[in-house]
C-alpha atoms as a PDB file:
ATOM      1  CA  MET A   1       0.000   0.000   0.000  1.00  0.00           C
ATOM      2  CA  ASP A   2       1.176   3.519  -0.773  1.00  0.00           C
ATOM      3  CA  ILE A   3       1.252   5.567   2.435  1.00  0.00           C
ATOM      4  CA  ILE A   4       1.419   9.367   2.316  1.00  0.00           C
ATOM      5  CA  LEU A   5       3.180  10.685   5.438  1.00  0.00           C
ATOM      6  CA  ILE A   6       2.342  14.299   6.314  1.00  0.00           C
ATOM      7  CA  PRO A   7       4.470  15.944   9.023  1.00  0.00           C
ATOM      8  CA  GLY A   8       3.190  18.351  11.623  1.00  0.00           C
ATOM      9  CA  LEU A   9       4.334  21.926  12.088  1.00  0.00           C
ATOM     10  CA  TRP A  10       8.105  22.619  12.052  1.00  0.00           C
ATOM     11  CA  LEU A  11       8.851  19.203  10.575  1.00  0.00           C
ATOM     12  CA  ASP A  12       9.756  17.951   7.117  1.00  0.00           C
ATOM     13  CA  ALA A  13       9.966  14.587   5.376  1.00  0.00           C
ATOM     14  CA  SER A  14      12.978  13.570   7.446  1.00  0.00           C
ATOM     15  CA  SER A  15      10.816  13.472  10.579  1.00  0.00           C
ATOM     16  CA  TRP A  16       9.433  10.121   9.383  1.00  0.00           C
ATOM     17  CA  ARG A  17      12.798   8.422   8.838  1.00  0.00           C
ATOM     18  CA  GLY A  18      12.471   6.434  12.069  1.00  0.00           C
ATOM     19  CA  ILE A  19       9.393   4.588  10.828  1.00  0.00           C
ATOM     20  CA  VAL A  20       9.978   4.363   7.070  1.00  0.00           C
ATOM     21  CA  PRO A  21      12.134   1.178   7.194  1.00  0.00           C
ATOM     22  CA  ALA A  22       9.493  -0.689   9.190  1.00  0.00           C
ATOM     23  CA  LEU A  23       6.743   0.343   6.776  1.00  0.00           C
ATOM     24  CA  GLU A  24       8.855  -0.830   3.851  1.00  0.00           C
ATOM     25  CA  ALA A  25       9.660  -4.101   5.621  1.00  0.00           C
ATOM     26  CA  ALA A  26       5.922  -4.682   5.977  1.00  0.00           C
ATOM     27  CA  GLY A  27       5.545  -4.376   2.216  1.00  0.00           C
ATOM     28  CA  HIS A  28       4.283  -0.802   2.021  1.00  0.00           C
ATOM     29  CA  THR A  29       5.595   2.157   0.028  1.00  0.00           C
ATOM     30  CA  PRO A  30       5.846   5.297   2.172  1.00  0.00           C
ATOM     31  CA  HIS A  31       5.914   8.767   0.641  1.00  0.00           C
ATOM     32  CA  ALA A  32       7.106  11.318   3.206  1.00  0.00           C
ATOM     33  CA  LEU A  33       6.298  14.936   2.363  1.00  0.00           C
ATOM     34  CA  THR A  34       7.947  18.265   2.970  1.00  0.00           C
ATOM     35  CA  LEU A  35       5.244  20.887   2.600  1.00  0.00           C
ATOM     36  CA  PRO A  36       5.542  24.214   0.740  1.00  0.00           C
ATOM     37  CA  GLY A  37       7.306  27.075   2.504  1.00  0.00           C
ATOM     38  CA  VAL A  38       8.684  25.016   5.371  1.00  0.00           C
ATOM     39  CA  GLY A  39      12.003  26.559   6.383  1.00  0.00           C
ATOM     40  CA  ALA A  40      11.613  29.432   3.899  1.00  0.00           C
ATOM     41  CA  PRO A  41      11.863  33.122   4.882  1.00  0.00           C
ATOM     42  CA  ALA A  42       8.799  35.358   4.850  1.00  0.00           C
ATOM     43  CA  ALA A  43       9.729  36.797   1.475  1.00  0.00           C
ATOM     44  CA  GLU A  44       9.173  33.342  -0.015  1.00  0.00           C
ATOM     45  CA  SER A  45       6.400  31.974   2.211  1.00  0.00           C
ATOM     46  CA  ALA A  46       4.110  34.886   3.148  1.00  0.00           C
ATOM     47  CA  ASP A  47       1.425  33.882   0.664  1.00  0.00           C
ATOM     48  CA  ILE A  48       1.445  30.179   1.511  1.00  0.00           C
ATOM     49  CA  GLY A  49      -1.568  28.943   3.470  1.00  0.00           C
ATOM     50  CA  ILE A  50      -3.155  25.686   4.533  1.00  0.00           C
ATOM     51  CA  SER A  51      -4.800  25.319   1.111  1.00  0.00           C
ATOM     52  CA  ASP A  52      -1.335  25.169  -0.468  1.00  0.00           C
ATOM     53  CA  TRP A  53      -0.363  22.359   1.889  1.00  0.00           C
ATOM     54  CA  VAL A  54      -3.547  20.507   0.986  1.00  0.00           C
ATOM     55  CA  ASP A  55      -2.868  21.114  -2.712  1.00  0.00           C
ATOM     56  CA  ALA A  56       0.633  19.654  -2.349  1.00  0.00           C
ATOM     57  CA  THR A  57      -0.749  16.541  -0.687  1.00  0.00           C
ATOM     58  CA  VAL A  58      -3.465  16.134  -3.304  1.00  0.00           C
ATOM     59  CA  ALA A  59      -0.795  16.422  -5.991  1.00  0.00           C
ATOM     60  CA  GLU A  60       1.132  13.579  -4.334  1.00  0.00           C
ATOM     61  CA  ILE A  61      -2.004  11.431  -4.172  1.00  0.00           C
ATOM     62  CA  ASP A  62      -2.580  12.087  -7.872  1.00  0.00           C
ATOM     63  CA  ARG A  63       1.036  11.295  -8.680  1.00  0.00           C
ATOM     64  CA  VAL A  64       0.979   8.022  -6.774  1.00  0.00           C
ATOM     65  CA  GLY A  65      -2.536   7.025  -7.761  1.00  0.00           C
ATOM     66  CA  GLY A  66      -5.113   5.504  -5.460  1.00  0.00           C
ATOM     67  CA  PRO A  67      -5.811   3.757  -3.300  1.00  0.00           C
ATOM     68  CA  VAL A  68      -3.550   5.358  -0.719  1.00  0.00           C
ATOM     69  CA  VAL A  69      -3.442   5.675   3.038  1.00  0.00           C
ATOM     70  CA  VAL A  70      -2.942   9.219   4.291  1.00  0.00           C
ATOM     71  CA  VAL A  71      -1.178   9.729   7.636  1.00  0.00           C
ATOM     72  CA  GLY A  72      -1.114  13.120   9.357  1.00  0.00           C
ATOM     73  CA  HIS A  73       0.783  14.000  12.509  1.00  0.00           C
ATOM     74  CA  SER A  74      -0.455  16.861  14.702  1.00  0.00           C
ATOM     75  CA  GLY A  75      -1.207  19.855  12.454  1.00  0.00           C
ATOM     76  CA  GLY A  76      -0.582  17.563   9.505  1.00  0.00           C
ATOM     77  CA  GLY A  77      -3.882  15.956  10.416  1.00  0.00           C
ATOM     78  CA  ASN A  78      -5.677  19.039   9.097  1.00  0.00           C
ATOM     79  CA  VAL A  79      -3.783  18.653   5.850  1.00  0.00           C
ATOM     80  CA  ALA A  80      -4.571  14.933   5.656  1.00  0.00           C
ATOM     81  CA  TRP A  81      -8.265  15.545   6.202  1.00  0.00           C
ATOM     82  CA  GLY A  82      -8.367  18.341   3.669  1.00  0.00           C
ATOM     83  CA  ALA A  83      -6.679  16.144   1.065  1.00  0.00           C
ATOM     84  CA  ALA A  84      -8.964  13.200   1.855  1.00  0.00           C
ATOM     85  CA  ASP A  85     -11.951  15.491   1.351  1.00  0.00           C
ATOM     86  CA  ARG A  86     -10.604  16.402  -2.095  1.00  0.00           C
ATOM     87  CA  ARG A  87      -9.785  12.804  -3.097  1.00  0.00           C
ATOM     88  CA  VAL A  88     -12.323  10.628  -1.306  1.00  0.00           C
ATOM     89  CA  ASP A  89     -12.300   8.020  -4.054  1.00  0.00           C
ATOM     90  CA  ASP A  90      -8.516   7.593  -3.879  1.00  0.00           C
ATOM     91  CA  VAL A  91      -8.086   7.373  -0.091  1.00  0.00           C
ATOM     92  CA  GLY A  92      -8.508   4.000   1.558  1.00  0.00           C
ATOM     93  CA  ARG A  93      -7.872   5.158   5.128  1.00  0.00           C
ATOM     94  CA  VAL A  94      -6.864   8.263   7.047  1.00  0.00           C
ATOM     95  CA  ILE A  95      -4.600   7.836  10.077  1.00  0.00           C
ATOM     96  CA  PHE A  96      -4.287  10.666  12.596  1.00  0.00           C
ATOM     97  CA  VAL A  97      -1.199  10.632  14.817  1.00  0.00           C
ATOM     98  CA  ASP A  98      -2.079  12.329  18.104  1.00  0.00           C
ATOM     99  CA  THR A  99      -4.656  14.569  16.480  1.00  0.00           C
ATOM    100  CA  PHE A 100      -8.179  14.284  15.095  1.00  0.00           C
ATOM    101  CA  PRO A 101     -10.165  15.259  12.006  1.00  0.00           C
ATOM    102  CA  PRO A 102     -10.987  18.963  12.082  1.00  0.00           C
ATOM    103  CA  SER A 103     -14.388  20.319  11.167  1.00  0.00           C
ATOM    104  CA  VAL A 104     -15.178  22.820   8.437  1.00  0.00           C
ATOM    105  CA  GLY A 105     -13.451  26.141   9.054  1.00  0.00           C
ATOM    106  CA  GLU A 106     -11.268  24.910  11.914  1.00  0.00           C
ATOM    107  CA  SER A 107      -7.585  25.829  12.076  1.00  0.00           C
ATOM    108  CA  ILE A 108      -4.523  24.266  13.687  1.00  0.00           C
ATOM    109  CA  TRP A 109      -3.506  26.728  16.426  1.00  0.00           C
ATOM    110  CA  GLU A 110      -2.019  30.178  16.912  1.00  0.00           C
ATOM    111  CA  PHE A 111       1.709  30.591  17.526  1.00  0.00           C
ATOM    112  CA  PRO A 112       3.961  33.669  17.740  1.00  0.00           C
ATOM    113  CA  ILE A 113       5.134  35.109  14.438  1.00  0.00           C
ATOM    114  CA  VAL A 114       8.787  36.160  14.271  1.00  0.00           C
ATOM    115  CA  ASP A 115      10.210  37.935  11.215  1.00  0.00           C
ATOM    116  CA  GLY A 116       7.137  36.984   9.228  1.00  0.00           C
ATOM    117  CA  VAL A 117       7.282  33.231   9.909  1.00  0.00           C
ATOM    118  CA  ILE A 118       6.486  30.904  12.787  1.00  0.00           C
ATOM    119  CA  PRO A 119       9.625  29.350  14.279  1.00  0.00           C
ATOM    120  CA  PHE A 120       9.583  26.336  16.565  1.00  0.00           C
ATOM    121  CA  PRO A 121       8.445  27.826  19.900  1.00  0.00           C
ATOM    122  CA  GLY A 122      10.491  25.511  22.144  1.00  0.00           C
ATOM    123  CA  TRP A 123       9.570  22.508  24.249  1.00  0.00           C
ATOM    124  CA  ASP A 124       8.426  24.631  27.190  1.00  0.00           C
ATOM    125  CA  THR A 125       5.464  25.696  25.073  1.00  0.00           C
ATOM    126  CA  PHE A 126       3.913  22.262  25.302  1.00  0.00           C
ATOM    127  CA  GLU A 127       2.198  20.504  28.194  1.00  0.00           C
ATOM    128  CA  GLU A 128       4.178  17.893  30.093  1.00  0.00           C
ATOM    129  CA  PRO A 129       2.210  14.843  28.822  1.00  0.00           C
ATOM    130  CA  GLU A 130       3.044  15.903  25.273  1.00  0.00           C
ATOM    131  CA  VAL A 131       6.805  15.884  25.817  1.00  0.00           C
ATOM    132  CA  ALA A 132       7.310  13.552  28.779  1.00  0.00           C
ATOM    133  CA  ASP A 133       8.660  10.659  26.696  1.00  0.00           C
ATOM    134  CA  LEU A 134      11.202  12.786  24.824  1.00  0.00           C
ATOM    135  CA  ASP A 135      14.641  12.524  26.425  1.00  0.00           C
ATOM    136  CA  GLU A 136      17.013  15.487  26.424  1.00  0.00           C
ATOM    137  CA  ALA A 137      19.047  14.201  23.498  1.00  0.00           C
ATOM    138  CA  THR A 138      15.937  13.777  21.367  1.00  0.00           C
ATOM    139  CA  ARG A 139      14.640  17.210  22.321  1.00  0.00           C
ATOM    140  CA  ALA A 140      17.960  18.757  21.385  1.00  0.00           C
ATOM    141  CA  SER A 141      18.145  16.913  18.066  1.00  0.00           C
ATOM    142  CA  VAL A 142      14.561  17.609  17.005  1.00  0.00           C
ATOM    143  CA  GLY A 143      14.694  21.194  18.204  1.00  0.00           C
ATOM    144  CA  ALA A 144      17.890  21.849  16.266  1.00  0.00           C
ATOM    145  CA  SER A 145      16.384  20.498  13.050  1.00  0.00           C
ATOM    146  CA  ALA A 146      12.992  22.186  13.449  1.00  0.00           C
ATOM    147  CA  LEU A 147      12.020  24.513  10.608  1.00  0.00           C
ATOM    148  CA  SER A 148       9.849  27.606  10.457  1.00  0.00           C
ATOM    149  CA  VAL A 149       6.401  27.399   8.892  1.00  0.00           C
ATOM    150  CA  PRO A 150       4.562  30.021   6.830  1.00  0.00           C
ATOM    151  CA  ALA A 151       2.769  32.503   9.060  1.00  0.00           C
ATOM    152  CA  LYS A 152      -0.678  31.878   7.592  1.00  0.00           C
ATOM    153  CA  VAL A 153      -0.728  28.093   7.820  1.00  0.00           C
ATOM    154  CA  PRO A 154      -1.597  27.472  11.501  1.00  0.00           C
ATOM    155  CA  THR A 155      -4.516  29.930  11.604  1.00  0.00           C
ATOM    156  CA  ASP A 156      -5.979  29.450   8.132  1.00  0.00           C
ATOM    157  CA  PRO A 157      -9.470  27.894   8.251  1.00  0.00           C
ATOM    158  CA  LEU A 158      -9.723  24.524   6.556  1.00  0.00           C
ATOM    159  CA  SER A 159     -12.073  24.194   3.603  1.00  0.00           C
ATOM    160  CA  LEU A 160     -14.045  20.942   3.367  1.00  0.00           C
ATOM    161  CA  SER A 161     -16.798  20.227   0.860  1.00  0.00           C
ATOM    162  CA  ASP A 162     -17.404  16.499   0.271  1.00  0.00           C
ATOM    163  CA  PRO A 163     -19.578  14.886   2.963  1.00  0.00           C
ATOM    164  CA  ARG A 164     -18.424  11.465   1.774  1.00  0.00           C
ATOM    165  CA  ARG A 165     -15.234  12.045   3.763  1.00  0.00           C
ATOM    166  CA  LEU A 166     -17.204  11.074   6.868  1.00  0.00           C
ATOM    167  CA  GLY A 167     -17.541   7.552   5.492  1.00  0.00           C
ATOM    168  CA  LEU A 168     -13.804   7.014   5.075  1.00  0.00           C
ATOM    169  CA  PRO A 169     -12.158   4.521   7.448  1.00  0.00           C
ATOM    170  CA  VAL A 170     -10.304   6.539  10.075  1.00  0.00           C
ATOM    171  CA  THR A 171      -7.771   5.441  12.683  1.00  0.00           C
ATOM    172  CA  MET A 172      -6.755   7.752  15.510  1.00  0.00           C
ATOM    173  CA  LEU A 173      -3.414   6.829  17.066  1.00  0.00           C
ATOM    174  CA  SER A 174      -3.721   8.714  20.325  1.00  0.00           C
ATOM    175  CA  GLY A 175      -0.579   9.443  22.280  1.00  0.00           C
ATOM    176  CA  THR A 176      -1.799  11.918  24.879  1.00  0.00           C
ATOM    177  CA  MET A 177      -5.524  11.293  25.291  1.00  0.00           C
ATOM    178  CA  ALA A 178      -7.256   8.167  26.519  1.00  0.00           C
ATOM    179  CA  ALA A 179      -9.773   6.487  24.250  1.00  0.00           C
ATOM    180  CA  ALA A 180     -12.469   6.964  26.880  1.00  0.00           C
ATOM    181  CA  ASP A 181     -11.890  10.723  26.853  1.00  0.00           C
ATOM    182  CA  LEU A 182     -12.102  10.803  23.071  1.00  0.00           C
ATOM    183  CA  ARG A 183     -15.338   8.829  23.191  1.00  0.00           C
ATOM    184  CA  GLU A 184     -16.722  11.380  25.638  1.00  0.00           C
ATOM    185  CA  ILE A 185     -15.911  14.201  23.204  1.00  0.00           C
ATOM    186  CA  ILE A 186     -17.610  12.245  20.434  1.00  0.00           C
ATOM    187  CA  GLU A 187     -20.709  11.782  22.576  1.00  0.00           C
ATOM    188  CA  LYS A 188     -20.929  15.503  23.370  1.00  0.00           C
ATOM    189  CA  ALA A 189     -20.132  16.450  19.755  1.00  0.00           C
ATOM    190  CA  PRO A 190     -19.038  20.076  20.191  1.00  0.00           C
ATOM    191  CA  ALA A 191     -18.858  22.141  17.011  1.00  0.00           C
ATOM    192  CA  TRP A 192     -15.060  21.861  16.778  1.00  0.00           C
ATOM    193  CA  ALA A 193     -15.389  18.060  16.824  1.00  0.00           C
ATOM    194  CA  ALA A 194     -18.356  17.803  14.464  1.00  0.00           C
ATOM    195  CA  ASP A 195     -16.490  15.731  11.894  1.00  0.00           C
ATOM    196  CA  LEU A 196     -14.998  13.512  14.576  1.00  0.00           C
ATOM    197  CA  ALA A 197     -18.443  12.828  16.023  1.00  0.00           C
ATOM    198  CA  ALA A 198     -19.919  12.120  12.580  1.00  0.00           C
ATOM    199  CA  LEU A 199     -17.341   9.549  11.442  1.00  0.00           C
ATOM    200  CA  GLU A 200     -18.938   6.306  10.328  1.00  0.00           C
ATOM    201  CA  ASP A 201     -15.874   4.059  10.646  1.00  0.00           C
ATOM    202  CA  LEU A 202     -13.559   5.089  13.490  1.00  0.00           C
ATOM    203  CA  GLU A 203     -10.864   3.097  15.257  1.00  0.00           C
ATOM    204  CA  ILE A 204      -9.092   4.568  18.292  1.00  0.00           C
ATOM    205  CA  VAL A 205      -5.730   3.116  19.337  1.00  0.00           C
ATOM    206  CA  GLU A 206      -3.897   4.323  22.438  1.00  0.00           C
ATOM    207  CA  LEU A 207      -0.166   4.664  21.861  1.00  0.00           C
ATOM    208  CA  HIS A 208       0.659   5.587  25.481  1.00  0.00           C
ATOM    209  CA  SER A 209       3.207   8.060  24.187  1.00  0.00           C
ATOM    210  CA  GLY A 210       3.639  11.789  24.004  1.00  0.00           C
ATOM    211  CA  HIS A 211       2.795  13.994  21.059  1.00  0.00           C
ATOM    212  CA  TRP A 212       5.831  13.017  18.961  1.00  0.00           C
ATOM    213  CA  PRO A 213       5.897   9.184  18.854  1.00  0.00           C
ATOM    214  CA  GLN A 214       7.821   9.211  15.554  1.00  0.00           C
ATOM    215  CA  PHE A 215      10.798  10.387  17.631  1.00  0.00           C
ATOM    216  CA  SER A 216      10.162   8.827  21.037  1.00  0.00           C
ATOM    217  CA  GLN A 217       8.638   5.482  20.016  1.00  0.00           C
ATOM    218  CA  PRO A 218       9.185   4.999  16.268  1.00  0.00           C
ATOM    219  CA  ASP A 219       8.921   1.217  16.357  1.00  0.00           C
ATOM    220  CA  ALA A 220       5.613   1.310  18.219  1.00  0.00           C
ATOM    221  CA  LEU A 221       4.247   3.964  15.885  1.00  0.00           C
ATOM    222  CA  ALA A 222       5.286   1.986  12.818  1.00  0.00           C
ATOM    223  CA  ARG A 223       3.602  -1.152  14.181  1.00  0.00           C
ATOM    224  CA  ALA A 224       0.431   0.811  14.859  1.00  0.00           C
ATOM    225  CA  ILE A 225       0.372   2.234  11.336  1.00  0.00           C
ATOM    226  CA  VAL A 226       0.987  -1.190   9.800  1.00  0.00           C
ATOM    227  CA  ALA A 227      -1.809  -2.672  11.900  1.00  0.00           C
ATOM    228  CA  ALA A 228      -4.186   0.126  10.912  1.00  0.00           C
ATOM    229  CA  VAL A 229      -3.416  -0.309   7.215  1.00  0.00           C
ATOM    230  CA  GLY A 230      -4.092  -4.019   7.570  1.00  0.00           C
END
């Protein structure tokens, strides 16, 4: 199976290198993406928004040809869901790594803009459960390789238009939230989780990790992705 790997904010294709060999060993073909404007100065990235990231992912789906599995980590989950919405007939499954499908008009988050871009804000920005399984060496390595993202991307609202996306098989690999808590959100169905609550085929798998399992627990993450792909 062709697997499109979409990194979260501040990451590029290299962020998946810890799991790529295991996916290949399982007989799959991973395609790790670096999204437009990542690491570029404001002069080159000011006009790049979330729609450009979705466009880039759709272009990769078209290049590879369906069926594909789309994997999105963190903010990359918004991109994965946007691309799945655009190519419902070519996507066999969407896998969210410590994130969930956003609803129409939702954005990723707001982060400080510096010199017209959004640099990695540092590990202290995140809650302890998100970073607890990252040792100091890993934090230093990932932090040193982190790249800025275009200023518009995290706050751009996501456009979704094909209701058939809600029928796609979805797997949530949850690192920081218990399945029971996710089920409670689904039951309450707040507006920001409307798509999550409306999914027709949802599997929730607890990773018992932090927010970056591709760095802290790559083998476990790879096994979980392989199991979800089937």
